[in-house]
Amino acid sequence: MLLWVLFVILILTSGSHCSLPPSPPFRMQRHVDAIFTTNYRKLLSQLYARKVIQDIMNKQGERIQEQRARLSRQEDSMWTEDKQMTLESILQGFPRMKPSADA
């Protein structure tokens, strides 16, 4: 449709340079305006849809990052508890040394 509009404009402007080109009928002007308005609204709706999708994707990405951070903290705390239990079991395995009188 855009080519059609350009074709009409080209025909109207290709007249002789001495006289003014004939003005298109009012109905054709309204038709061209309607085509522009329709295409402009489609473009705006596509841009809005892209923005909504990007917002949804960003929110999902933030949730995933929060879950990963939470899991990382849980793993760290489990690792710390495990190391503490291992250290205690090793210490319990050693005989208790009493200070000798020689020292």
N, C-alpha and C. Protein backbone atom coordinates (compact mmCIF):
# COMPACT_ATOMS: atom_id res chain seq x y z
N MET A 1 0.82 -1.18 0.00
CA MET A 1 0.00 0.00 0.00
C MET A 1 0.87 1.25 0.00
N LEU A 2 2.01 1.15 0.63
CA LEU A 2 2.90 2.29 0.67
C LEU A 2 3.39 2.62 -0.74
N LEU A 3 3.62 1.60 -1.53
CA LEU A 3 4.03 1.84 -2.92
C LEU A 3 2.94 2.55 -3.70
N TRP A 4 1.71 2.19 -3.42
CA TRP A 4 0.59 2.83 -4.10
C TRP A 4 0.55 4.32 -3.76
N VAL A 5 0.77 4.64 -2.50
CA VAL A 5 0.77 6.04 -2.07
C VAL A 5 1.90 6.78 -2.77
N LEU A 6 3.07 6.18 -2.81
CA LEU A 6 4.19 6.82 -3.48
C LEU A 6 3.91 7.00 -4.98
N PHE A 7 3.26 6.01 -5.58
CA PHE A 7 2.91 6.08 -6.99
C PHE A 7 1.97 7.26 -7.24
N VAL A 8 0.98 7.43 -6.39
CA VAL A 8 0.03 8.53 -6.53
C VAL A 8 0.76 9.86 -6.38
N ILE A 9 1.63 9.95 -5.41
CA ILE A 9 2.37 11.19 -5.20
C ILE A 9 3.26 11.49 -6.40
N LEU A 10 3.90 10.46 -6.94
CA LEU A 10 4.78 10.63 -8.10
C LEU A 10 3.98 11.11 -9.31
N ILE A 11 2.83 10.54 -9.52
CA ILE A 11 1.99 10.95 -10.66
C ILE A 11 1.54 12.40 -10.49
N LEU A 12 1.18 12.75 -9.27
CA LEU A 12 0.69 14.11 -9.05
C LEU A 12 1.80 15.14 -9.19
N THR A 13 3.01 14.80 -8.85
CA THR A 13 4.11 15.77 -8.91
C THR A 13 4.83 15.74 -10.25
N SER A 14 4.53 14.77 -11.12
CA SER A 14 5.24 14.69 -12.39
C SER A 14 4.60 15.53 -13.50
N GLY A 15 3.60 16.30 -13.18
CA GLY A 15 2.95 17.15 -14.17
C GLY A 15 3.92 18.22 -14.66
N SER A 16 3.45 19.07 -15.53
CA SER A 16 4.34 20.10 -16.08
C SER A 16 4.75 21.04 -14.96
N HIS A 17 5.92 21.57 -15.09
CA HIS A 17 6.46 22.44 -14.04
C HIS A 17 5.88 23.84 -14.11
N CYS A 18 5.22 24.15 -15.18
CA CYS A 18 4.68 25.50 -15.35
C CYS A 18 3.37 25.66 -14.59
N SER A 19 2.59 24.61 -14.54
CA SER A 19 1.30 24.73 -13.87
C SER A 19 1.31 23.92 -12.58
N LEU A 20 0.44 24.27 -11.68
CA LEU A 20 0.32 23.53 -10.43
C LEU A 20 -0.29 22.16 -10.71
N PRO A 21 0.17 21.15 -10.01
CA PRO A 21 -0.43 19.83 -10.21
C PRO A 21 -1.87 19.84 -9.70
N PRO A 22 -2.70 19.08 -10.34
CA PRO A 22 -4.09 19.06 -9.88
C PRO A 22 -4.16 18.46 -8.48
N SER A 23 -4.99 19.05 -7.64
CA SER A 23 -5.11 18.53 -6.27
C SER A 23 -5.93 17.25 -6.29
N PRO A 24 -5.49 16.28 -5.51
CA PRO A 24 -6.24 15.01 -5.49
C PRO A 24 -7.61 15.23 -4.86
N PRO A 25 -8.54 14.44 -5.25
CA PRO A 25 -9.87 14.60 -4.67
C PRO A 25 -9.83 14.38 -3.16
N PHE A 26 -10.80 14.94 -2.50
CA PHE A 26 -10.86 14.87 -1.04
C PHE A 26 -10.91 13.42 -0.56
N ARG A 27 -11.61 12.59 -1.30
CA ARG A 27 -11.74 11.19 -0.90
C ARG A 27 -10.39 10.48 -0.91
N MET A 28 -9.54 10.78 -1.90
CA MET A 28 -8.23 10.14 -1.97
C MET A 28 -7.36 10.60 -0.80
N GLN A 29 -7.45 11.87 -0.45
CA GLN A 29 -6.68 12.37 0.69
C GLN A 29 -7.09 11.65 1.97
N ARG A 30 -8.37 11.44 2.14
CA ARG A 30 -8.86 10.74 3.32
C ARG A 30 -8.35 9.29 3.32
N HIS A 31 -8.31 8.68 2.14
CA HIS A 31 -7.83 7.30 2.04
C HIS A 31 -6.35 7.21 2.43
N VAL A 32 -5.55 8.15 1.94
CA VAL A 32 -4.13 8.17 2.27
C VAL A 32 -3.95 8.39 3.77
N ASP A 33 -4.72 9.30 4.35
CA ASP A 33 -4.65 9.53 5.79
C ASP A 33 -5.02 8.28 6.58
N ALA A 34 -6.04 7.57 6.10
CA ALA A 34 -6.45 6.35 6.79
C ALA A 34 -5.36 5.28 6.73
N ILE A 35 -4.71 5.17 5.58
CA ILE A 35 -3.61 4.20 5.45
C ILE A 35 -2.49 4.55 6.42
N PHE A 36 -2.12 5.81 6.47
CA PHE A 36 -1.06 6.24 7.38
C PHE A 36 -1.45 5.97 8.83
N THR A 37 -2.67 6.34 9.19
CA THR A 37 -3.12 6.15 10.57
C THR A 37 -3.12 4.67 10.95
N THR A 38 -3.60 3.83 10.07
CA THR A 38 -3.64 2.40 10.34
C THR A 38 -2.24 1.84 10.54
N ASN A 39 -1.34 2.18 9.65
CA ASN A 39 0.03 1.69 9.77
C ASN A 39 0.71 2.23 11.02
N TYR A 40 0.44 3.49 11.35
CA TYR A 40 1.04 4.09 12.55
C TYR A 40 0.53 3.40 13.81
N ARG A 41 -0.75 3.10 13.86
CA ARG A 41 -1.31 2.39 15.02
C ARG A 41 -0.73 0.99 15.14
N LYS A 42 -0.55 0.30 14.02
CA LYS A 42 0.07 -1.03 14.04
C LYS A 42 1.49 -0.95 14.60
N LEU A 43 2.22 0.05 14.15
CA LEU A 43 3.59 0.23 14.63
C LEU A 43 3.61 0.49 16.13
N LEU A 44 2.74 1.37 16.60
CA LEU A 44 2.69 1.66 18.02
C LEU A 44 2.32 0.43 18.83
N SER A 45 1.37 -0.36 18.34
CA SER A 45 0.98 -1.57 19.08
C SER A 45 2.11 -2.59 19.10
N GLN A 46 2.88 -2.69 18.02
CA GLN A 46 4.02 -3.61 18.01
C GLN A 46 5.09 -3.15 19.00
N LEU A 47 5.35 -1.85 19.03
CA LEU A 47 6.33 -1.32 19.99
C LEU A 47 5.88 -1.57 21.43
N TYR A 48 4.60 -1.38 21.69
CA TYR A 48 4.07 -1.61 23.03
C TYR A 48 4.19 -3.10 23.40
N ALA A 49 3.87 -3.98 22.46
CA ALA A 49 3.97 -5.42 22.72
C ALA A 49 5.42 -5.81 23.02
N ARG A 50 6.36 -5.26 22.27
CA ARG A 50 7.78 -5.55 22.54
C ARG A 50 8.18 -5.10 23.93
N LYS A 51 7.71 -3.92 24.32
CA LYS A 51 8.05 -3.40 25.64
C LYS A 51 7.48 -4.29 26.73
N VAL A 52 6.25 -4.74 26.57
CA VAL A 52 5.63 -5.61 27.56
C VAL A 52 6.40 -6.93 27.66
N ILE A 53 6.77 -7.50 26.52
CA ILE A 53 7.52 -8.76 26.53
C ILE A 53 8.88 -8.56 27.19
N GLN A 54 9.55 -7.45 26.90
CA GLN A 54 10.84 -7.20 27.53
C GLN A 54 10.70 -7.04 29.04
N ASP A 55 9.64 -6.38 29.49
CA ASP A 55 9.41 -6.23 30.92
C ASP A 55 9.18 -7.59 31.58
N ILE A 56 8.41 -8.44 30.92
CA ILE A 56 8.16 -9.78 31.47
C ILE A 56 9.45 -10.57 31.54
N MET A 57 10.25 -10.51 30.48
CA MET A 57 11.52 -11.24 30.47
C MET A 57 12.46 -10.72 31.56
N ASN A 58 12.50 -9.40 31.76
CA ASN A 58 13.36 -8.84 32.80
C ASN A 58 12.92 -9.30 34.19
N LYS A 59 11.60 -9.34 34.42
CA LYS A 59 11.10 -9.80 35.72
C LYS A 59 11.45 -11.25 35.95
N GLN A 60 11.32 -12.08 34.92
CA GLN A 60 11.69 -13.49 35.06
C GLN A 60 13.18 -13.64 35.33
N GLY A 61 13.99 -12.83 34.66
CA GLY A 61 15.43 -12.87 34.87
C GLY A 61 15.80 -12.48 36.29
N GLU A 62 15.10 -11.47 36.82
CA GLU A 62 15.35 -11.06 38.20
C GLU A 62 14.97 -12.16 39.17
N ARG A 63 13.85 -12.83 38.93
CA ARG A 63 13.43 -13.94 39.80
C ARG A 63 14.45 -15.07 39.78
N ILE A 64 14.95 -15.38 38.61
CA ILE A 64 15.95 -16.45 38.50
C ILE A 64 17.21 -16.08 39.25
N GLN A 65 17.64 -14.83 39.14
CA GLN A 65 18.83 -14.39 39.86
C GLN A 65 18.61 -14.45 41.37
N GLU A 66 17.42 -14.07 41.83
CA GLU A 66 17.12 -14.15 43.26
C GLU A 66 17.14 -15.60 43.74
N GLN A 67 16.57 -16.51 42.94
CA GLN A 67 16.56 -17.93 43.32
C GLN A 67 17.98 -18.47 43.38
N ARG A 68 18.81 -18.10 42.41
CA ARG A 68 20.20 -18.57 42.41
C ARG A 68 20.94 -18.04 43.64
N ALA A 69 20.73 -16.79 43.98
CA ALA A 69 21.40 -16.21 45.15
C ALA A 69 20.94 -16.91 46.42
N ARG A 70 19.64 -17.21 46.51
CA ARG A 70 19.10 -17.90 47.69
C ARG A 70 19.70 -19.30 47.80
N LEU A 71 19.77 -20.02 46.67
CA LEU A 71 20.36 -21.35 46.68
C LEU A 71 21.84 -21.30 47.05
N SER A 72 22.52 -20.29 46.56
CA SER A 72 23.95 -20.14 46.87
C SER A 72 24.15 -19.92 48.36
N ARG A 73 23.30 -19.09 48.97
CA ARG A 73 23.40 -18.86 50.42
C ARG A 73 23.11 -20.14 51.19
N GLN A 74 22.11 -20.91 50.74
CA GLN A 74 21.79 -22.18 51.41
C GLN A 74 22.95 -23.15 51.30
N GLU A 75 23.57 -23.23 50.11
CA GLU A 75 24.71 -24.13 49.93
C GLU A 75 25.87 -23.69 50.81
N ASP A 76 26.10 -22.40 50.91
CA ASP A 76 27.19 -21.90 51.76
C ASP A 76 26.95 -22.26 53.22
N SER A 77 25.71 -22.09 53.68
CA SER A 77 25.43 -22.41 55.07
C SER A 77 25.55 -23.91 55.31
N MET A 78 25.11 -24.73 54.35
CA MET A 78 25.25 -26.19 54.50
C MET A 78 26.72 -26.57 54.51
N TRP A 79 27.52 -25.96 53.67
CA TRP A 79 28.95 -26.25 53.60
C TRP A 79 29.63 -25.87 54.92
N THR A 80 29.25 -24.73 55.48
CA THR A 80 29.82 -24.27 56.74
C THR A 80 29.45 -25.24 57.86
N GLU A 81 28.19 -25.67 57.91
CA GLU A 81 27.76 -26.63 58.94
C GLU A 81 28.50 -27.95 58.78
N ASP A 82 28.68 -28.40 57.55
CA ASP A 82 29.37 -29.66 57.29
C ASP A 82 30.83 -29.57 57.73
N LYS A 83 31.49 -28.46 57.43
CA LYS A 83 32.89 -28.28 57.84
C LYS A 83 32.99 -28.26 59.36
N GLN A 84 32.03 -27.61 60.02
CA GLN A 84 32.06 -27.53 61.48
C GLN A 84 31.89 -28.92 62.08
N MET A 85 30.95 -29.72 61.52
CA MET A 85 30.74 -31.08 62.04
C MET A 85 31.97 -31.93 61.79
N THR A 86 32.62 -31.80 60.66
CA THR A 86 33.81 -32.57 60.35
C THR A 86 34.94 -32.20 61.31
N LEU A 87 35.12 -30.93 61.56
CA LEU A 87 36.15 -30.47 62.47
C LEU A 87 35.90 -31.00 63.88
N GLU A 88 34.65 -30.98 64.32
CA GLU A 88 34.33 -31.50 65.65
C GLU A 88 34.59 -32.99 65.75
N SER A 89 34.25 -33.74 64.69
CA SER A 89 34.49 -35.18 64.74
C SER A 89 35.98 -35.49 64.74
N ILE A 90 36.77 -34.72 64.03
CA ILE A 90 38.23 -34.92 64.03
C ILE A 90 38.79 -34.62 65.42
N LEU A 91 38.33 -33.55 66.00
CA LEU A 91 38.82 -33.18 67.33
C LEU A 91 38.42 -34.21 68.38
N GLN A 92 37.25 -34.79 68.22
CA GLN A 92 36.82 -35.81 69.17
C GLN A 92 37.65 -37.08 69.02
N GLY A 93 38.18 -37.33 67.83
CA GLY A 93 38.98 -38.53 67.60
C GLY A 93 40.36 -38.45 68.25
N PHE A 94 40.87 -37.27 68.46
CA PHE A 94 42.18 -37.12 69.09
C PHE A 94 42.04 -37.31 70.61
N PRO A 95 43.02 -37.98 71.19
CA PRO A 95 42.97 -38.10 72.67
C PRO A 95 43.24 -36.73 73.29
N ARG A 96 42.62 -36.53 74.37
CA ARG A 96 42.82 -35.26 75.06
C ARG A 96 44.20 -35.24 75.71
N MET A 97 44.90 -34.23 75.41
CA MET A 97 46.24 -34.11 75.98
C MET A 97 46.16 -33.32 77.25
N LYS A 98 46.77 -33.88 78.25
CA LYS A 98 46.81 -33.18 79.53
C LYS A 98 48.19 -32.54 79.64
N PRO A 99 48.23 -31.40 80.18
CA PRO A 99 49.55 -30.78 80.33
C PRO A 99 50.40 -31.64 81.26
N SER A 100 51.57 -31.89 80.79
CA SER A 100 52.47 -32.73 81.60
C SER A 100 53.27 -31.83 82.53
N ALA A 101 53.84 -32.45 83.50
CA ALA A 101 54.63 -31.70 84.47
C ALA A 101 55.97 -31.33 83.88
N ASP A 102 56.37 -32.02 82.77
CA ASP A 102 57.67 -31.73 82.16
C ASP A 102 57.69 -30.38 81.48
N ALA A 103 56.56 -29.92 80.99
CA ALA A 103 56.56 -28.69 80.23
C ALA A 103 56.70 -27.50 81.06
